[in-house]
Every structure is written in structure tokens, then in C-alpha cells.
Amino acid sequence: MSRGSLYLLDEATRLRVYDQGFAKGYTEACAKGKPEAEAKAYAAIYADNYVLGWAQGRAEGRAEGKVEGLAEGEAKANLKTALKMKELKVSIDIIMQVTGLTKEEIEKL
């Protein structure tokens, strides 16, 4: 896990997520019958890892969303270009070459 993803979290979020992780870790340690001091130490380690995992998941989600958004934008641009070319009476073969769309997709426009 990358500690760099922690920089994407503001302090309030980091503390909230840490508290959630601590509570889960403490509950888990107590359920295993660990003494209180050991349960708190276990919970602190659990919470640190919980925050790292949460931050990494958030960073990965943002990256995936950005890629999906760019792909969606490119697809819309290709449709818009194809429509304009079709209005200008450009041949379907050329529109297919320029936009990467199929003949069926172009004919639906």
C-alpha cells in the first residue's frame, strides 16, 4: 500500500477513518480475549492499516473514474464528429476511419 495516497485525505477524514478502524480493531481484539493494553495496541495497528487501505481504495477509485470519464468523453466526441461528417455528406467509410465507429453506429445517427 502506498503511503502517498494518505495525502489525498484531509485531516478530519483521516481521523474519522482512523477512529472507525480503531473501533473495529479493538472490537476484534476484545472478541479474541486479548487484555485491554494488548487490544489497544492491536487496534492502533489495525487502524493505521485501515486508513492506508481506505486511502488507497479511494485513490484507485478516483483514477478509475478519471479513465472512465475520459473514455466516455472520447466516445461522445467521436459521435459528434461522425454526426457532423454525416451532415456534410462524407462517406461512411471515411467516417468509420476517422472516428473508429462501426457502420451500424454511424447509420443510427
PDB file of N, CA and C in Angstrom:
ATOM      1  N   MET A   1       0.837  -1.189   0.000  1.00  0.00           N
ATOM      2  CA  MET A   1       0.000   0.000   0.000  1.00  0.00           C
ATOM      3  C   MET A   1       0.876   1.245   0.000  1.00  0.00           C
ATOM      4  N   SER A   2       0.457   2.207  -0.711  1.00  0.00           N
ATOM      5  CA  SER A   2       1.225   3.431  -0.825  1.00  0.00           C
ATOM      6  C   SER A   2       0.810   4.429   0.254  1.00  0.00           C
ATOM      7  N   ARG A   3       1.800   4.928   0.965  1.00  0.00           N
ATOM      8  CA  ARG A   3       1.508   5.969   1.948  1.00  0.00           C
ATOM      9  C   ARG A   3       1.218   7.300   1.271  1.00  0.00           C
ATOM     10  N   GLY A   4       1.603   7.431  -0.002  1.00  0.00           N
ATOM     11  CA  GLY A   4       1.339   8.654  -0.752  1.00  0.00           C
ATOM     12  C   GLY A   4      -0.138   8.961  -0.887  1.00  0.00           C
ATOM     13  N   SER A   5      -0.967   7.912  -0.888  1.00  0.00           N
ATOM     14  CA  SER A   5      -2.402   8.146  -1.021  1.00  0.00           C
ATOM     15  C   SER A   5      -2.988   8.803   0.217  1.00  0.00           C
ATOM     16  N   LEU A   6      -2.236   8.762   1.330  1.00  0.00           N
ATOM     17  CA  LEU A   6      -2.716   9.443   2.540  1.00  0.00           C
ATOM     18  C   LEU A   6      -2.814  10.945   2.336  1.00  0.00           C
ATOM     19  N   TYR A   7      -1.993  11.482   1.443  1.00  0.00           N
ATOM     20  CA  TYR A   7      -2.009  12.921   1.210  1.00  0.00           C
ATOM     21  C   TYR A   7      -3.300  13.379   0.537  1.00  0.00           C
ATOM     22  N   LEU A   8      -4.056  12.440  -0.001  1.00  0.00           N
ATOM     23  CA  LEU A   8      -5.336  12.789  -0.620  1.00  0.00           C
ATOM     24  C   LEU A   8      -6.435  12.998   0.409  1.00  0.00           C
ATOM     25  N   LEU A   9      -6.161  12.636   1.669  1.00  0.00           N
ATOM     26  CA  LEU A   9      -7.177  12.753   2.720  1.00  0.00           C
ATOM     27  C   LEU A   9      -6.972  14.035   3.517  1.00  0.00           C
ATOM     28  N   ASP A  10      -8.037  14.730   3.806  1.00  0.00           N
ATOM     29  CA  ASP A  10      -7.925  15.854   4.715  1.00  0.00           C
ATOM     30  C   ASP A  10      -7.862  15.296   6.135  1.00  0.00           C
ATOM     31  N   GLU A  11      -7.433  16.098   7.065  1.00  0.00           N
ATOM     32  CA  GLU A  11      -7.208  15.628   8.440  1.00  0.00           C
ATOM     33  C   GLU A  11      -8.476  15.090   9.096  1.00  0.00           C
ATOM     34  N   ALA A  12      -9.592  15.765   8.889  1.00  0.00           N
ATOM     35  CA  ALA A  12     -10.842  15.315   9.511  1.00  0.00           C
ATOM     36  C   ALA A  12     -11.246  13.937   8.981  1.00  0.00           C
ATOM     37  N   THR A  13     -11.096  13.726   7.687  1.00  0.00           N
ATOM     38  CA  THR A  13     -11.430  12.420   7.104  1.00  0.00           C
ATOM     39  C   THR A  13     -10.487  11.357   7.629  1.00  0.00           C
ATOM     40  N   ARG A  14      -9.190  11.670   7.671  1.00  0.00           N
ATOM     41  CA  ARG A  14      -8.210  10.709   8.157  1.00  0.00           C
ATOM     42  C   ARG A  14      -8.519  10.301   9.589  1.00  0.00           C
ATOM     43  N   LEU A  15      -8.860  11.258  10.429  1.00  0.00           N
ATOM     44  CA  LEU A  15      -9.182  10.957  11.827  1.00  0.00           C
ATOM     45  C   LEU A  15     -10.469  10.136  11.943  1.00  0.00           C
ATOM     46  N   ARG A  16     -11.460  10.458  11.143  1.00  0.00           N
ATOM     47  CA  ARG A  16     -12.718   9.711  11.169  1.00  0.00           C
ATOM     48  C   ARG A  16     -12.491   8.259  10.755  1.00  0.00           C
ATOM     49  N   VAL A  17     -11.729   8.066   9.699  1.00  0.00           N
ATOM     50  CA  VAL A  17     -11.456   6.716   9.219  1.00  0.00           C
ATOM     51  C   VAL A  17     -10.585   5.968  10.239  1.00  0.00           C
ATOM     52  N   TYR A  18      -9.614   6.680  10.838  1.00  0.00           N
ATOM     53  CA  TYR A  18      -8.766   6.057  11.866  1.00  0.00           C
ATOM     54  C   TYR A  18      -9.639   5.580  13.035  1.00  0.00           C
ATOM     55  N   ASP A  19     -10.559   6.424  13.469  1.00  0.00           N
ATOM     56  CA  ASP A  19     -11.445   6.050  14.583  1.00  0.00           C
ATOM     57  C   ASP A  19     -12.292   4.825  14.240  1.00  0.00           C
ATOM     58  N   GLN A  20     -12.771   4.767  13.012  1.00  0.00           N
ATOM     59  CA  GLN A  20     -13.548   3.595  12.584  1.00  0.00           C
ATOM     60  C   GLN A  20     -12.679   2.335  12.633  1.00  0.00           C
ATOM     61  N   GLY A  21     -11.456   2.456  12.127  1.00  0.00           N
ATOM     62  CA  GLY A  21     -10.539   1.323  12.130  1.00  0.00           C
ATOM     63  C   GLY A  21     -10.158   0.908  13.538  1.00  0.00           C
ATOM     64  N   PHE A  22      -9.946   1.899  14.405  1.00  0.00           N
ATOM     65  CA  PHE A  22      -9.588   1.594  15.789  1.00  0.00           C
ATOM     66  C   PHE A  22     -10.721   0.831  16.469  1.00  0.00           C
ATOM     67  N   ALA A  23     -11.931   1.304  16.264  1.00  0.00           N
ATOM     68  CA  ALA A  23     -13.091   0.647  16.883  1.00  0.00           C
ATOM     69  C   ALA A  23     -13.222  -0.791  16.387  1.00  0.00           C
ATOM     70  N   LYS A  24     -13.037  -1.006  15.098  1.00  0.00           N
ATOM     71  CA  LYS A  24     -13.126  -2.364  14.553  1.00  0.00           C
ATOM     72  C   LYS A  24     -12.004  -3.241  15.104  1.00  0.00           C
ATOM     73  N   GLY A  25     -10.803  -2.702  15.138  1.00  0.00           N
ATOM     74  CA  GLY A  25      -9.660  -3.457  15.650  1.00  0.00           C
ATOM     75  C   GLY A  25      -9.802  -3.782  17.127  1.00  0.00           C
ATOM     76  N   TYR A  26     -10.274  -2.828  17.899  1.00  0.00           N
ATOM     77  CA  TYR A  26     -10.443  -3.029  19.338  1.00  0.00           C
ATOM     78  C   TYR A  26     -11.520  -4.093  19.593  1.00  0.00           C
ATOM     79  N   THR A  27     -12.611  -3.994  18.861  1.00  0.00           N
ATOM     80  CA  THR A  27     -13.699  -4.975  18.995  1.00  0.00           C
ATOM     81  C   THR A  27     -13.202  -6.375  18.646  1.00  0.00           C
ATOM     82  N   GLU A  28     -12.441  -6.462  17.585  1.00  0.00           N
ATOM     83  CA  GLU A  28     -11.901  -7.755  17.149  1.00  0.00           C
ATOM     84  C   GLU A  28     -10.944  -8.323  18.204  1.00  0.00           C
ATOM     85  N   ALA A  29     -10.071  -7.472  18.742  1.00  0.00           N
ATOM     86  CA  ALA A  29      -9.101  -7.926  19.751  1.00  0.00           C
ATOM     87  C   ALA A  29      -9.809  -8.366  21.030  1.00  0.00           C
ATOM     88  N   CYS A  30     -10.814  -7.615  21.443  1.00  0.00           N
ATOM     89  CA  CYS A  30     -11.563  -7.984  22.651  1.00  0.00           C
ATOM     90  C   CYS A  30     -12.312  -9.303  22.443  1.00  0.00           C
ATOM     91  N   ALA A  31     -12.839  -9.504  21.250  1.00  0.00           N
ATOM     92  CA  ALA A  31     -13.549 -10.746  20.952  1.00  0.00           C
ATOM     93  C   ALA A  31     -12.613 -11.945  21.014  1.00  0.00           C
ATOM     94  N   LYS A  32     -11.332 -11.703  20.767  1.00  0.00           N
ATOM     95  CA  LYS A  32     -10.331 -12.773  20.841  1.00  0.00           C
ATOM     96  C   LYS A  32      -9.813 -12.964  22.263  1.00  0.00           C
ATOM     97  N   GLY A  33     -10.326 -12.134  23.191  1.00  0.00           N
ATOM     98  CA  GLY A  33      -9.954 -12.264  24.600  1.00  0.00           C
ATOM     99  C   GLY A  33      -8.627 -11.623  24.974  1.00  0.00           C
ATOM    100  N   LYS A  34      -8.153 -10.684  24.189  1.00  0.00           N
ATOM    101  CA  LYS A  34      -6.878 -10.024  24.488  1.00  0.00           C
ATOM    102  C   LYS A  34      -7.066  -9.057  25.660  1.00  0.00           C
ATOM    103  N   PRO A  35      -6.031  -8.900  26.511  1.00  0.00           N
ATOM    104  CA  PRO A  35      -6.103  -7.915  27.597  1.00  0.00           C
ATOM    105  C   PRO A  35      -6.229  -6.498  27.014  1.00  0.00           C
ATOM    106  N   GLU A  36      -6.733  -5.555  27.794  1.00  0.00           N
ATOM    107  CA  GLU A  36      -7.025  -4.211  27.284  1.00  0.00           C
ATOM    108  C   GLU A  36      -5.823  -3.529  26.651  1.00  0.00           C
ATOM    109  N   ALA A  37      -4.665  -3.559  27.285  1.00  0.00           N
ATOM    110  CA  ALA A  37      -3.479  -2.899  26.730  1.00  0.00           C
ATOM    111  C   ALA A  37      -3.098  -3.513  25.387  1.00  0.00           C
ATOM    112  N   GLU A  38      -3.157  -4.822  25.310  1.00  0.00           N
ATOM    113  CA  GLU A  38      -2.834  -5.508  24.059  1.00  0.00           C
ATOM    114  C   GLU A  38      -3.900  -5.217  23.001  1.00  0.00           C
ATOM    115  N   ALA A  39      -5.154  -5.141  23.427  1.00  0.00           N
ATOM    116  CA  ALA A  39      -6.248  -4.835  22.500  1.00  0.00           C
ATOM    117  C   ALA A  39      -6.095  -3.433  21.920  1.00  0.00           C
ATOM    118  N   LYS A  40      -5.669  -2.473  22.744  1.00  0.00           N
ATOM    119  CA  LYS A  40      -5.465  -1.097  22.265  1.00  0.00           C
ATOM    120  C   LYS A  40      -4.292  -1.029  21.287  1.00  0.00           C
ATOM    121  N   ALA A  41      -3.217  -1.761  21.571  1.00  0.00           N
ATOM    122  CA  ALA A  41      -2.068  -1.777  20.666  1.00  0.00           C
ATOM    123  C   ALA A  41      -2.468  -2.409  19.324  1.00  0.00           C
ATOM    124  N   TYR A  42      -3.185  -3.513  19.402  1.00  0.00           N
ATOM    125  CA  TYR A  42      -3.670  -4.192  18.205  1.00  0.00           C
ATOM    126  C   TYR A  42      -4.583  -3.251  17.411  1.00  0.00           C
ATOM    127  N   ALA A  43      -5.467  -2.559  18.106  1.00  0.00           N
ATOM    128  CA  ALA A  43      -6.414  -1.653  17.457  1.00  0.00           C
ATOM    129  C   ALA A  43      -5.696  -0.498  16.769  1.00  0.00           C
ATOM    130  N   ALA A  44      -4.611   0.000  17.377  1.00  0.00           N
ATOM    131  CA  ALA A  44      -3.856   1.104  16.768  1.00  0.00           C
ATOM    132  C   ALA A  44      -3.209   0.659  15.464  1.00  0.00           C
ATOM    133  N   ILE A  45      -2.634  -0.529  15.450  1.00  0.00           N
ATOM    134  CA  ILE A  45      -2.024  -1.054  14.227  1.00  0.00           C
ATOM    135  C   ILE A  45      -3.114  -1.306  13.178  1.00  0.00           C
ATOM    136  N   TYR A  46      -4.209  -1.884  13.632  1.00  0.00           N
ATOM    137  CA  TYR A  46      -5.343  -2.160  12.746  1.00  0.00           C
ATOM    138  C   TYR A  46      -5.826  -0.850  12.125  1.00  0.00           C
ATOM    139  N   ALA A  47      -5.946   0.192  12.931  1.00  0.00           N
ATOM    140  CA  ALA A  47      -6.445   1.484  12.457  1.00  0.00           C
ATOM    141  C   ALA A  47      -5.502   2.104  11.436  1.00  0.00           C
ATOM    142  N   ASP A  48      -4.194   2.022  11.678  1.00  0.00           N
ATOM    143  CA  ASP A  48      -3.224   2.556  10.710  1.00  0.00           C
ATOM    144  C   ASP A  48      -3.389   1.865   9.359  1.00  0.00           C
ATOM    145  N   ASN A  49      -3.484   0.549   9.387  1.00  0.00           N
ATOM    146  CA  ASN A  49      -3.651  -0.202   8.142  1.00  0.00           C
ATOM    147  C   ASN A  49      -5.013   0.069   7.504  1.00  0.00           C
ATOM    148  N   TYR A  50      -6.017   0.279   8.326  1.00  0.00           N
ATOM    149  CA  TYR A  50      -7.365   0.589   7.839  1.00  0.00           C
ATOM    150  C   TYR A  50      -7.345   1.913   7.073  1.00  0.00           C
ATOM    151  N   VAL A  51      -6.674   2.908   7.626  1.00  0.00           N
ATOM    152  CA  VAL A  51      -6.579   4.219   6.969  1.00  0.00           C
ATOM    153  C   VAL A  51      -5.824   4.092   5.649  1.00  0.00           C
ATOM    154  N   LEU A  52      -4.713   3.357   5.663  1.00  0.00           N
ATOM    155  CA  LEU A  52      -3.946   3.177   4.427  1.00  0.00           C
ATOM    156  C   LEU A  52      -4.784   2.489   3.355  1.00  0.00           C
ATOM    157  N   GLY A  53      -5.481   1.435   3.740  1.00  0.00           N
ATOM    158  CA  GLY A  53      -6.329   0.718   2.786  1.00  0.00           C
ATOM    159  C   GLY A  53      -7.452   1.586   2.258  1.00  0.00           C
ATOM    160  N   TRP A  54      -8.060   2.367   3.139  1.00  0.00           N
ATOM    161  CA  TRP A  54      -9.155   3.245   2.747  1.00  0.00           C
ATOM    162  C   TRP A  54      -8.647   4.303   1.765  1.00  0.00           C
ATOM    163  N   ALA A  55      -7.503   4.892   2.076  1.00  0.00           N
ATOM    164  CA  ALA A  55      -6.939   5.934   1.212  1.00  0.00           C
ATOM    165  C   ALA A  55      -6.546   5.363  -0.147  1.00  0.00           C
ATOM    166  N   GLN A  56      -5.958   4.177  -0.132  1.00  0.00           N
ATOM    167  CA  GLN A  56      -5.566   3.553  -1.392  1.00  0.00           C
ATOM    168  C   GLN A  56      -6.797   3.229  -2.238  1.00  0.00           C
ATOM    169  N   GLY A  57      -7.830   2.699  -1.612  1.00  0.00           N
ATOM    170  CA  GLY A  57      -9.063   2.400  -2.337  1.00  0.00           C
ATOM    171  C   GLY A  57      -9.682   3.646  -2.940  1.00  0.00           C
ATOM    172  N   ARG A  58      -9.640   4.716  -2.180  1.00  0.00           N
ATOM    173  CA  ARG A  58     -10.187   5.983  -2.673  1.00  0.00           C
ATOM    174  C   ARG A  58      -9.384   6.496  -3.861  1.00  0.00           C
ATOM    175  N   ALA A  59      -8.049   6.423  -3.758  1.00  0.00           N
ATOM    176  CA  ALA A  59      -7.192   6.875  -4.856  1.00  0.00           C
ATOM    177  C   ALA A  59      -7.418   6.032  -6.109  1.00  0.00           C
ATOM    178  N   GLU A  60      -7.534   4.721  -5.931  1.00  0.00           N
ATOM    179  CA  GLU A  60      -7.777   3.837  -7.074  1.00  0.00           C
ATOM    180  C   GLU A  60      -9.134   4.136  -7.705  1.00  0.00           C
ATOM    181  N   GLY A  61     -10.132   4.382  -6.871  1.00  0.00           N
ATOM    182  CA  GLY A  61     -11.460   4.719  -7.385  1.00  0.00           C
ATOM    183  C   GLY A  61     -11.452   6.002  -8.192  1.00  0.00           C
ATOM    184  N   ARG A  62     -10.715   6.985  -7.710  1.00  0.00           N
ATOM    185  CA  ARG A  62     -10.624   8.253  -8.442  1.00  0.00           C
ATOM    186  C   ARG A  62      -9.925   8.050  -9.791  1.00  0.00           C
ATOM    187  N   ALA A  63      -8.853   7.269  -9.785  1.00  0.00           N
ATOM    188  CA  ALA A  63      -8.114   7.017 -11.020  1.00  0.00           C
ATOM    189  C   ALA A  63      -9.001   6.281 -12.028  1.00  0.00           C
ATOM    190  N   GLU A  64      -9.730   5.278 -11.560  1.00  0.00           N
ATOM    191  CA  GLU A  64     -10.627   4.533 -12.446  1.00  0.00           C
ATOM    192  C   GLU A  64     -11.720   5.449 -12.983  1.00  0.00           C
ATOM    193  N   GLY A  65     -12.257   6.303 -12.130  1.00  0.00           N
ATOM    194  CA  GLY A  65     -13.300   7.235 -12.564  1.00  0.00           C
ATOM    195  C   GLY A  65     -12.790   8.202 -13.618  1.00  0.00           C
ATOM    196  N   LYS A  66     -11.552   8.633 -13.460  1.00  0.00           N
ATOM    197  CA  LYS A  66     -10.969   9.560 -14.424  1.00  0.00           C
ATOM    198  C   LYS A  66     -10.808   8.874 -15.783  1.00  0.00           C
ATOM    199  N   VAL A  67     -10.318   7.642 -15.772  1.00  0.00           N
ATOM    200  CA  VAL A  67     -10.140   6.891 -17.017  1.00  0.00           C
ATOM    201  C   VAL A  67     -11.490   6.675 -17.695  1.00  0.00           C
ATOM    202  N   GLU A  68     -12.490   6.278 -16.911  1.00  0.00           N
ATOM    203  CA  GLU A  68     -13.824   6.051 -17.472  1.00  0.00           C
ATOM    204  C   GLU A  68     -14.401   7.348 -18.036  1.00  0.00           C
ATOM    205  N   GLY A  69     -14.189   8.445 -17.331  1.00  0.00           N
ATOM    206  CA  GLY A  69     -14.696   9.732 -17.795  1.00  0.00           C
ATOM    207  C   GLY A  69     -14.044  10.170 -19.096  1.00  0.00           C
ATOM    208  N   LEU A  70     -12.737   9.944 -19.201  1.00  0.00           N
ATOM    209  CA  LEU A  70     -12.038  10.296 -20.440  1.00  0.00           C
ATOM    210  C   LEU A  70     -12.530   9.441 -21.607  1.00  0.00           C
ATOM    211  N   ALA A  71     -12.721   8.157 -21.356  1.00  0.00           N
ATOM    212  CA  ALA A  71     -13.214   7.261 -22.411  1.00  0.00           C
ATOM    213  C   ALA A  71     -14.621   7.663 -22.848  1.00  0.00           C
ATOM    214  N   GLU A  72     -15.454   8.017 -21.886  1.00  0.00           N
ATOM    215  CA  GLU A  72     -16.822   8.443 -22.198  1.00  0.00           C
ATOM    216  C   GLU A  72     -16.806   9.732 -23.011  1.00  0.00           C
ATOM    217  N   GLY A  73     -15.923  10.653 -22.629  1.00  0.00           N
ATOM    218  CA  GLY A  73     -15.809  11.917 -23.365  1.00  0.00           C
ATOM    219  C   GLY A  73     -15.325  11.709 -24.785  1.00  0.00           C
ATOM    220  N   GLU A  74     -14.378  10.786 -24.943  1.00  0.00           N
ATOM    221  CA  GLU A  74     -13.867  10.490 -26.284  1.00  0.00           C
ATOM    222  C   GLU A  74     -14.963   9.863 -27.156  1.00  0.00           C
ATOM    223  N   ALA A  75     -15.749   8.974 -26.567  1.00  0.00           N
ATOM    224  CA  ALA A  75     -16.840   8.331 -27.310  1.00  0.00           C
ATOM    225  C   ALA A  75     -17.867   9.375 -27.758  1.00  0.00           C
ATOM    226  N   LYS A  76     -18.202  10.308 -26.860  1.00  0.00           N
ATOM    227  CA  LYS A  76     -19.167  11.363 -27.221  1.00  0.00           C
ATOM    228  C   LYS A  76     -18.606  12.247 -28.331  1.00  0.00           C
ATOM    229  N   ALA A  77     -17.308  12.550 -28.249  1.00  0.00           N
ATOM    230  CA  ALA A  77     -16.684  13.384 -29.279  1.00  0.00           C
ATOM    231  C   ALA A  77     -16.702  12.675 -30.629  1.00  0.00           C
ATOM    232  N   ASN A  78     -16.439  11.370 -30.620  1.00  0.00           N
ATOM    233  CA  ASN A  78     -16.486  10.609 -31.872  1.00  0.00           C
ATOM    234  C   ASN A  78     -17.885  10.616 -32.479  1.00  0.00           C
ATOM    235  N   LEU A  79     -18.899  10.473 -31.649  1.00  0.00           N
ATOM    236  CA  LEU A  79     -20.280  10.517 -32.146  1.00  0.00           C
ATOM    237  C   LEU A  79     -20.615  11.889 -32.729  1.00  0.00           C
ATOM    238  N   LYS A  80     -20.170  12.918 -32.033  1.00  0.00           N
ATOM    239  CA  LYS A  80     -20.438  14.277 -32.500  1.00  0.00           C
ATOM    240  C   LYS A  80     -19.724  14.535 -33.834  1.00  0.00           C
ATOM    241  N   THR A  81     -18.483  14.077 -33.923  1.00  0.00           N
ATOM    242  CA  THR A  81     -17.725  14.228 -35.168  1.00  0.00           C
ATOM    243  C   THR A  81     -18.393  13.462 -36.299  1.00  0.00           C
ATOM    244  N   ALA A  82     -18.796  12.239 -36.017  1.00  0.00           N
ATOM    245  CA  ALA A  82     -19.446  11.409 -37.034  1.00  0.00           C
ATOM    246  C   ALA A  82     -20.736  12.059 -37.516  1.00  0.00           C
ATOM    247  N   LEU A  83     -21.497  12.603 -36.591  1.00  0.00           N
ATOM    248  CA  LEU A  83     -22.754  13.252 -36.972  1.00  0.00           C
ATOM    249  C   LEU A  83     -22.489  14.444 -37.890  1.00  0.00           C
ATOM    250  N   LYS A  84     -21.500  15.245 -37.525  1.00  0.00           N
ATOM    251  CA  LYS A  84     -21.166  16.417 -38.345  1.00  0.00           C
ATOM    252  C   LYS A  84     -20.689  15.978 -39.730  1.00  0.00           C
ATOM    253  N   MET A  85     -19.850  14.933 -39.775  1.00  0.00           N
ATOM    254  CA  MET A  85     -19.349  14.441 -41.065  1.00  0.00           C
ATOM    255  C   MET A  85     -20.501  13.888 -41.915  1.00  0.00           C
ATOM    256  N   LYS A  86     -21.440  13.213 -41.260  1.00  0.00           N
ATOM    257  CA  LYS A  86     -22.594  12.654 -41.968  1.00  0.00           C
ATOM    258  C   LYS A  86     -23.443  13.788 -42.551  1.00  0.00           C
ATOM    259  N   GLU A  87     -23.618  14.865 -41.778  1.00  0.00           N
ATOM    260  CA  GLU A  87     -24.369  16.031 -42.263  1.00  0.00           C
ATOM    261  C   GLU A  87     -23.676  16.669 -43.470  1.00  0.00           C
ATOM    262  N   LEU A  88     -22.338  16.558 -43.501  1.00  0.00           N
ATOM    263  CA  LEU A  88     -21.564  17.125 -44.609  1.00  0.00           C
ATOM    264  C   LEU A  88     -21.443  16.156 -45.782  1.00  0.00           C
ATOM    265  N   LYS A  89     -22.182  15.027 -45.677  1.00  0.00           N
ATOM    266  CA  LYS A  89     -22.236  14.027 -46.745  1.00  0.00           C
ATOM    267  C   LYS A  89     -20.892  13.338 -47.000  1.00  0.00           C
ATOM    268  N   VAL A  90     -20.085  13.191 -45.938  1.00  0.00           N
ATOM    269  CA  VAL A  90     -18.833  12.444 -46.040  1.00  0.00           C
ATOM    270  C   VAL A  90     -19.195  10.964 -46.073  1.00  0.00           C
ATOM    271  N   SER A  91     -18.445  10.177 -46.830  1.00  0.00           N
ATOM    272  CA  SER A  91     -18.778   8.759 -46.973  1.00  0.00           C
ATOM    273  C   SER A  91     -18.640   8.034 -45.627  1.00  0.00           C
ATOM    274  N   ILE A  92     -19.459   7.016 -45.477  1.00  0.00           N
ATOM    275  CA  ILE A  92     -19.454   6.237 -44.230  1.00  0.00           C
ATOM    276  C   ILE A  92     -18.094   5.587 -44.002  1.00  0.00           C
ATOM    277  N   ASP A  93     -17.439   5.143 -45.094  1.00  0.00           N
ATOM    278  CA  ASP A  93     -16.112   4.524 -44.956  1.00  0.00           C
ATOM    279  C   ASP A  93     -15.109   5.486 -44.328  1.00  0.00           C
ATOM    280  N   ILE A  94     -15.130   6.731 -44.751  1.00  0.00           N
ATOM    281  CA  ILE A  94     -14.206   7.736 -44.198  1.00  0.00           C
ATOM    282  C   ILE A  94     -14.591   8.048 -42.753  1.00  0.00           C
ATOM    283  N   ILE A  95     -15.874   8.178 -42.482  1.00  0.00           N
ATOM    284  CA  ILE A  95     -16.322   8.435 -41.110  1.00  0.00           C
ATOM    285  C   ILE A  95     -15.863   7.301 -40.197  1.00  0.00           C
ATOM    286  N   MET A  96     -15.959   6.076 -40.674  1.00  0.00           N
ATOM    287  CA  MET A  96     -15.515   4.920 -39.885  1.00  0.00           C
ATOM    288  C   MET A  96     -14.016   5.010 -39.598  1.00  0.00           C
ATOM    289  N   GLN A  97     -13.235   5.400 -40.601  1.00  0.00           N
ATOM    290  CA  GLN A  97     -11.787   5.514 -40.429  1.00  0.00           C
ATOM    291  C   GLN A  97     -11.425   6.613 -39.432  1.00  0.00           C
ATOM    292  N   VAL A  98     -12.105   7.725 -39.536  1.00  0.00           N
ATOM    293  CA  VAL A  98     -11.787   8.878 -38.679  1.00  0.00           C
ATOM    294  C   VAL A  98     -12.214   8.646 -37.232  1.00  0.00           C
ATOM    295  N   THR A  99     -13.413   8.105 -37.042  1.00  0.00           N
ATOM    296  CA  THR A  99     -13.979   8.007 -35.690  1.00  0.00           C
ATOM    297  C   THR A  99     -13.802   6.655 -35.011  1.00  0.00           C
ATOM    298  N   GLY A 100     -13.573   5.613 -35.816  1.00  0.00           N
ATOM    299  CA  GLY A 100     -13.488   4.275 -35.225  1.00  0.00           C
ATOM    300  C   GLY A 100     -14.850   3.661 -34.947  1.00  0.00           C
ATOM    301  N   LEU A 101     -15.917   4.340 -35.370  1.00  0.00           N
ATOM    302  CA  LEU A 101     -17.273   3.813 -35.180  1.00  0.00           C
ATOM    303  C   LEU A 101     -17.587   2.768 -36.246  1.00  0.00           C
ATOM    304  N   THR A 102     -18.536   1.909 -35.939  1.00  0.00           N
ATOM    305  CA  THR A 102     -18.980   0.916 -36.919  1.00  0.00           C
ATOM    306  C   THR A 102     -19.979   1.552 -37.871  1.00  0.00           C
ATOM    307  N   LYS A 103     -20.206   0.854 -38.975  1.00  0.00           N
ATOM    308  CA  LYS A 103     -21.187   1.327 -39.965  1.00  0.00           C
ATOM    309  C   LYS A 103     -22.565   1.456 -39.325  1.00  0.00           C
ATOM    310  N   GLU A 104     -22.909   0.466 -38.494  1.00  0.00           N
ATOM    311  CA  GLU A 104     -24.226   0.467 -37.831  1.00  0.00           C
ATOM    312  C   GLU A 104     -24.368   1.667 -36.889  1.00  0.00           C
ATOM    313  N   GLU A 105     -23.304   1.970 -36.162  1.00  0.00           N
ATOM    314  CA  GLU A 105     -23.360   3.114 -35.238  1.00  0.00           C
ATOM    315  C   GLU A 105     -23.550   4.406 -36.001  1.00  0.00           C
ATOM    316  N   ILE A 106     -22.881   4.538 -37.133  1.00  0.00           N
ATOM    317  CA  ILE A 106     -22.982   5.766 -37.938  1.00  0.00           C
ATOM    318  C   ILE A 106     -24.373   5.891 -38.563  1.00  0.00           C
ATOM    319  N   GLU A 107     -24.900   4.779 -39.045  1.00  0.00           N
ATOM    320  CA  GLU A 107     -26.220   4.805 -39.680  1.00  0.00           C
ATOM    321  C   GLU A 107     -27.332   5.168 -38.689  1.00  0.00           C
ATOM    322  N   LYS A 108     -27.115   4.882 -37.403  1.00  0.00           N
ATOM    323  CA  LYS A 108     -28.112   5.221 -36.380  1.00  0.00           C
ATOM    324  C   LYS A 108     -28.163   6.714 -36.087  1.00  0.00           C
ATOM    325  N   LEU A 109     -27.123   7.419 -36.469  1.00  0.00           N
ATOM    326  CA  LEU A 109     -27.074   8.872 -36.163  1.00  0.00           C
ATOM    327  C   LEU A 109     -28.051   9.645 -37.016  1.00  0.00           C
TER     328      LEU A 109
END
